[in-house]
């Protein structure tokens, strides 16, 4: 029983870490895309 609880805790922790890395990568990607599209912001304010 104790090993099952430890296994669940390990799964939750690893899933949380993977989710955080995925989120940070996605945020960085969005920031890079916005940075490359910056010259178009003046002509198209809806890009924000």
PDB file of N, CA and C in Angstrom:
ATOM      1  N   UNK A   1       0.836  -1.201   0.000  1.00  0.00           N
ATOM      2  CA  UNK A   1       0.000   0.000   0.000  1.00  0.00           C
ATOM      3  C   UNK A   1       0.874   1.255   0.000  1.00  0.00           C
ATOM      4  N   UNK A   2       1.914   1.242   0.806  1.00  0.00           N
ATOM      5  CA  UNK A   2       2.785   2.414   0.873  1.00  0.00           C
ATOM      6  C   UNK A   2       3.478   2.665  -0.468  1.00  0.00           C
ATOM      7  N   UNK A   3       3.887   1.590  -1.137  1.00  0.00           N
ATOM      8  CA  UNK A   3       4.574   1.777  -2.420  1.00  0.00           C
ATOM      9  C   UNK A   3       3.621   2.366  -3.448  1.00  0.00           C
ATOM     10  N   UNK A   4       2.354   1.998  -3.389  1.00  0.00           N
ATOM     11  CA  UNK A   4       1.378   2.541  -4.339  1.00  0.00           C
ATOM     12  C   UNK A   4       1.217   4.046  -4.135  1.00  0.00           C
ATOM     13  N   UNK A   5       1.174   4.466  -2.863  1.00  0.00           N
ATOM     14  CA  UNK A   5       1.055   5.899  -2.581  1.00  0.00           C
ATOM     15  C   UNK A   5       2.305   6.625  -3.079  1.00  0.00           C
ATOM     16  N   UNK A   6       3.470   6.034  -2.837  1.00  0.00           N
ATOM     17  CA  UNK A   6       4.706   6.662  -3.311  1.00  0.00           C
ATOM     18  C   UNK A   6       4.713   6.738  -4.834  1.00  0.00           C
ATOM     19  N   UNK A   7       4.210   5.689  -5.483  1.00  0.00           N
ATOM     20  CA  UNK A   7       4.171   5.674  -6.942  1.00  0.00           C
ATOM     21  C   UNK A   7       3.242   6.761  -7.467  1.00  0.00           C
ATOM     22  N   UNK A   8       2.088   6.924  -6.830  1.00  0.00           N
ATOM     23  CA  UNK A   8       1.166   7.983  -7.242  1.00  0.00           C
ATOM     24  C   UNK A   8       1.807   9.356  -7.057  1.00  0.00           C
ATOM     25  N   UNK A   9       2.491   9.539  -5.936  1.00  0.00           N
ATOM     26  CA  UNK A   9       3.145  10.820  -5.678  1.00  0.00           C
ATOM     27  C   UNK A   9       4.205  11.100  -6.732  1.00  0.00           C
ATOM     28  N   UNK A  10       4.964  10.053  -7.093  1.00  0.00           N
ATOM     29  CA  UNK A  10       6.001  10.213  -8.108  1.00  0.00           C
ATOM     30  C   UNK A  10       5.380  10.565  -9.452  1.00  0.00           C
ATOM     31  N   UNK A  11       4.284   9.899  -9.790  1.00  0.00           N
ATOM     32  CA  UNK A  11       3.611  10.200 -11.059  1.00  0.00           C
ATOM     33  C   UNK A  11       3.125  11.643 -11.082  1.00  0.00           C
ATOM     34  N   UNK A  12       2.514  12.067  -9.977  1.00  0.00           N
ATOM     35  CA  UNK A  12       1.990  13.426  -9.931  1.00  0.00           C
ATOM     36  C   UNK A  12       3.120  14.440 -10.080  1.00  0.00           C
ATOM     37  N   UNK A  13       4.242  14.178  -9.387  1.00  0.00           N
ATOM     38  CA  UNK A  13       5.361  15.118  -9.441  1.00  0.00           C
ATOM     39  C   UNK A  13       5.959  15.186 -10.843  1.00  0.00           C
ATOM     40  N   UNK A  14       6.147  14.017 -11.457  1.00  0.00           N
ATOM     41  CA  UNK A  14       6.750  14.010 -12.792  1.00  0.00           C
ATOM     42  C   UNK A  14       5.807  14.659 -13.799  1.00  0.00           C
ATOM     43  N   UNK A  15       4.499  14.404 -13.671  1.00  0.00           N
ATOM     44  CA  UNK A  15       3.542  15.023 -14.589  1.00  0.00           C
ATOM     45  C   UNK A  15       3.555  16.536 -14.415  1.00  0.00           C
ATOM     46  N   UNK A  16       3.621  16.996 -13.165  1.00  0.00           N
ATOM     47  CA  UNK A  16       3.634  18.431 -12.901  1.00  0.00           C
ATOM     48  C   UNK A  16       4.883  19.082 -13.499  1.00  0.00           C
ATOM     49  N   UNK A  17       6.035  18.414 -13.339  1.00  0.00           N
ATOM     50  CA  UNK A  17       7.276  18.963 -13.888  1.00  0.00           C
ATOM     51  C   UNK A  17       7.215  19.007 -15.413  1.00  0.00           C
ATOM     52  N   UNK A  18       6.710  17.943 -16.020  1.00  0.00           N
ATOM     53  CA  UNK A  18       6.607  17.925 -17.481  1.00  0.00           C
ATOM     54  C   UNK A  18       5.650  19.013 -17.954  1.00  0.00           C
ATOM     55  N   UNK A  19       4.546  19.198 -17.239  1.00  0.00           N
ATOM     56  CA  UNK A  19       3.577  20.225 -17.615  1.00  0.00           C
ATOM     57  C   UNK A  19       4.194  21.615 -17.510  1.00  0.00           C
ATOM     58  N   UNK A  20       4.990  21.840 -16.456  1.00  0.00           N
ATOM     59  CA  UNK A  20       5.614  23.157 -16.293  1.00  0.00           C
ATOM     60  C   UNK A  20       6.620  23.429 -17.395  1.00  0.00           C
ATOM     61  N   UNK A  21       7.428  22.419 -17.755  1.00  0.00           N
ATOM     62  CA  UNK A  21       8.399  22.639 -18.828  1.00  0.00           C
ATOM     63  C   UNK A  21       7.673  22.893 -20.142  1.00  0.00           C
ATOM     64  N   UNK A  22       6.580  22.164 -20.380  1.00  0.00           N
ATOM     65  CA  UNK A  22       5.804  22.375 -21.599  1.00  0.00           C
ATOM     66  C   UNK A  22       5.240  23.790 -21.633  1.00  0.00           C
ATOM     67  N   UNK A  23       4.714  24.249 -20.488  1.00  0.00           N
ATOM     68  CA  UNK A  23       4.137  25.588 -20.439  1.00  0.00           C
ATOM     69  C   UNK A  23       5.206  26.646 -20.695  1.00  0.00           C
ATOM     70  N   UNK A  24       6.374  26.510 -20.053  1.00  0.00           N
ATOM     71  CA  UNK A  24       7.419  27.514 -20.236  1.00  0.00           C
ATOM     72  C   UNK A  24       7.898  27.524 -21.678  1.00  0.00           C
ATOM     73  N   UNK A  25       8.024  26.327 -22.287  1.00  0.00           N
ATOM     74  CA  UNK A  25       8.436  26.285 -23.684  1.00  0.00           C
ATOM     75  C   UNK A  25       7.405  26.962 -24.576  1.00  0.00           C
ATOM     76  N   UNK A  26       6.132  26.722 -24.294  1.00  0.00           N
ATOM     77  CA  UNK A  26       5.074  27.303 -25.120  1.00  0.00           C
ATOM     78  C   UNK A  26       5.045  28.823 -24.954  1.00  0.00           C
ATOM     79  N   UNK A  27       5.206  29.298 -23.722  1.00  0.00           N
ATOM     80  CA  UNK A  27       5.218  30.747 -23.493  1.00  0.00           C
ATOM     81  C   UNK A  27       6.396  31.376 -24.225  1.00  0.00           C
ATOM     82  N   UNK A  28       7.563  30.712 -24.171  1.00  0.00           N
ATOM     83  CA  UNK A  28       8.736  31.245 -24.855  1.00  0.00           C
ATOM     84  C   UNK A  28       8.486  31.287 -26.365  1.00  0.00           C
ATOM     85  N   UNK A  29       7.838  30.253 -26.890  1.00  0.00           N
ATOM     86  CA  UNK A  29       7.541  30.207 -28.325  1.00  0.00           C
ATOM     87  C   UNK A  29       6.596  31.344 -28.710  1.00  0.00           C
ATOM     88  N   UNK A  30       5.561  31.561 -27.890  1.00  0.00           N
ATOM     89  CA  UNK A  30       4.614  32.641 -28.185  1.00  0.00           C
ATOM     90  C   UNK A  30       5.321  33.992 -28.132  1.00  0.00           C
ATOM     91  N   UNK A  31       6.199  34.171 -27.143  1.00  0.00           N
ATOM     92  CA  UNK A  31       6.927  35.445 -27.028  1.00  0.00           C
ATOM     93  C   UNK A  31       7.811  35.654 -28.249  1.00  0.00           C
ATOM     94  N   UNK A  32       8.475  34.587 -28.710  1.00  0.00           N
ATOM     95  CA  UNK A  32       9.320  34.720 -29.890  1.00  0.00           C
ATOM     96  C   UNK A  32       8.494  35.069 -31.118  1.00  0.00           C
ATOM     97  N   UNK A  33       7.334  34.436 -31.263  1.00  0.00           N
ATOM     98  CA  UNK A  33       6.477  34.729 -32.417  1.00  0.00           C
ATOM     99  C   UNK A  33       6.024  36.181 -32.370  1.00  0.00           C
ATOM    100  N   UNK A  34       5.639  36.646 -31.194  1.00  0.00           N
ATOM    101  CA  UNK A  34       5.204  38.041 -31.084  1.00  0.00           C
ATOM    102  C   UNK A  34       6.359  38.985 -31.387  1.00  0.00           C
ATOM    103  N   UNK A  35       7.569  38.608 -30.973  1.00  0.00           N
ATOM    104  CA  UNK A  35       8.718  39.474 -31.206  1.00  0.00           C
ATOM    105  C   UNK A  35       9.021  39.559 -32.699  1.00  0.00           C
ATOM    106  N   UNK A  36       8.860  38.445 -33.415  1.00  0.00           N
ATOM    107  CA  UNK A  36       9.142  38.481 -34.846  1.00  0.00           C
ATOM    108  C   UNK A  36       8.047  39.224 -35.594  1.00  0.00           C
ATOM    109  N   UNK A  37       6.837  39.250 -35.052  1.00  0.00           N
ATOM    110  CA  UNK A  37       5.735  39.939 -35.727  1.00  0.00           C
ATOM    111  C   UNK A  37       5.576  41.379 -35.251  1.00  0.00           C
ATOM    112  N   UNK A  38       6.527  41.883 -34.499  1.00  0.00           N
ATOM    113  CA  UNK A  38       6.382  43.219 -33.935  1.00  0.00           C
ATOM    114  C   UNK A  38       6.193  44.304 -34.995  1.00  0.00           C
ATOM    115  N   UNK A  39       6.912  44.285 -36.138  1.00  0.00           N
ATOM    116  CA  UNK A  39       6.711  45.351 -37.126  1.00  0.00           C
ATOM    117  C   UNK A  39       5.292  45.395 -37.673  1.00  0.00           C
ATOM    118  N   UNK A  40       4.562  44.292 -37.615  1.00  0.00           N
ATOM    119  CA  UNK A  40       3.208  44.282 -38.153  1.00  0.00           C
ATOM    120  C   UNK A  40       2.179  44.793 -37.149  1.00  0.00           C
ATOM    121  N   UNK A  41       2.610  45.068 -35.931  1.00  0.00           N
ATOM    122  CA  UNK A  41       1.649  45.455 -34.902  1.00  0.00           C
ATOM    123  C   UNK A  41       1.012  46.807 -35.220  1.00  0.00           C
ATOM    124  N   UNK A  42       1.766  47.719 -35.811  1.00  0.00           N
ATOM    125  CA  UNK A  42       1.235  49.052 -36.070  1.00  0.00           C
ATOM    126  C   UNK A  42       0.161  49.001 -37.153  1.00  0.00           C
ATOM    127  N   UNK A  43       0.339  48.127 -38.129  1.00  0.00           N
ATOM    128  CA  UNK A  43      -0.651  48.044 -39.196  1.00  0.00           C
ATOM    129  C   UNK A  43      -1.837  47.186 -38.777  1.00  0.00           C
ATOM    130  N   UNK A  44      -1.616  46.253 -37.852  1.00  0.00           N
ATOM    131  CA  UNK A  44      -2.700  45.358 -37.431  1.00  0.00           C
ATOM    132  C   UNK A  44      -2.693  45.245 -35.910  1.00  0.00           C
ATOM    133  N   UNK A  45      -3.410  46.121 -35.213  1.00  0.00           N
ATOM    134  CA  UNK A  45      -3.373  46.079 -33.741  1.00  0.00           C
ATOM    135  C   UNK A  45      -4.022  44.828 -33.166  1.00  0.00           C
ATOM    136  N   UNK A  46      -4.807  44.107 -33.968  1.00  0.00           N
ATOM    137  CA  UNK A  46      -5.491  42.927 -33.437  1.00  0.00           C
ATOM    138  C   UNK A  46      -4.537  41.761 -33.242  1.00  0.00           C
ATOM    139  N   UNK A  47      -3.303  41.863 -33.705  1.00  0.00           N
ATOM    140  CA  UNK A  47      -2.347  40.767 -33.526  1.00  0.00           C
ATOM    141  C   UNK A  47      -2.051  40.550 -32.046  1.00  0.00           C
ATOM    142  N   UNK A  48      -2.251  41.591 -31.236  1.00  0.00           N
ATOM    143  CA  UNK A  48      -2.021  41.433 -29.808  1.00  0.00           C
ATOM    144  C   UNK A  48      -3.086  40.516 -29.228  1.00  0.00           C
TER     145      UNK A  48
END
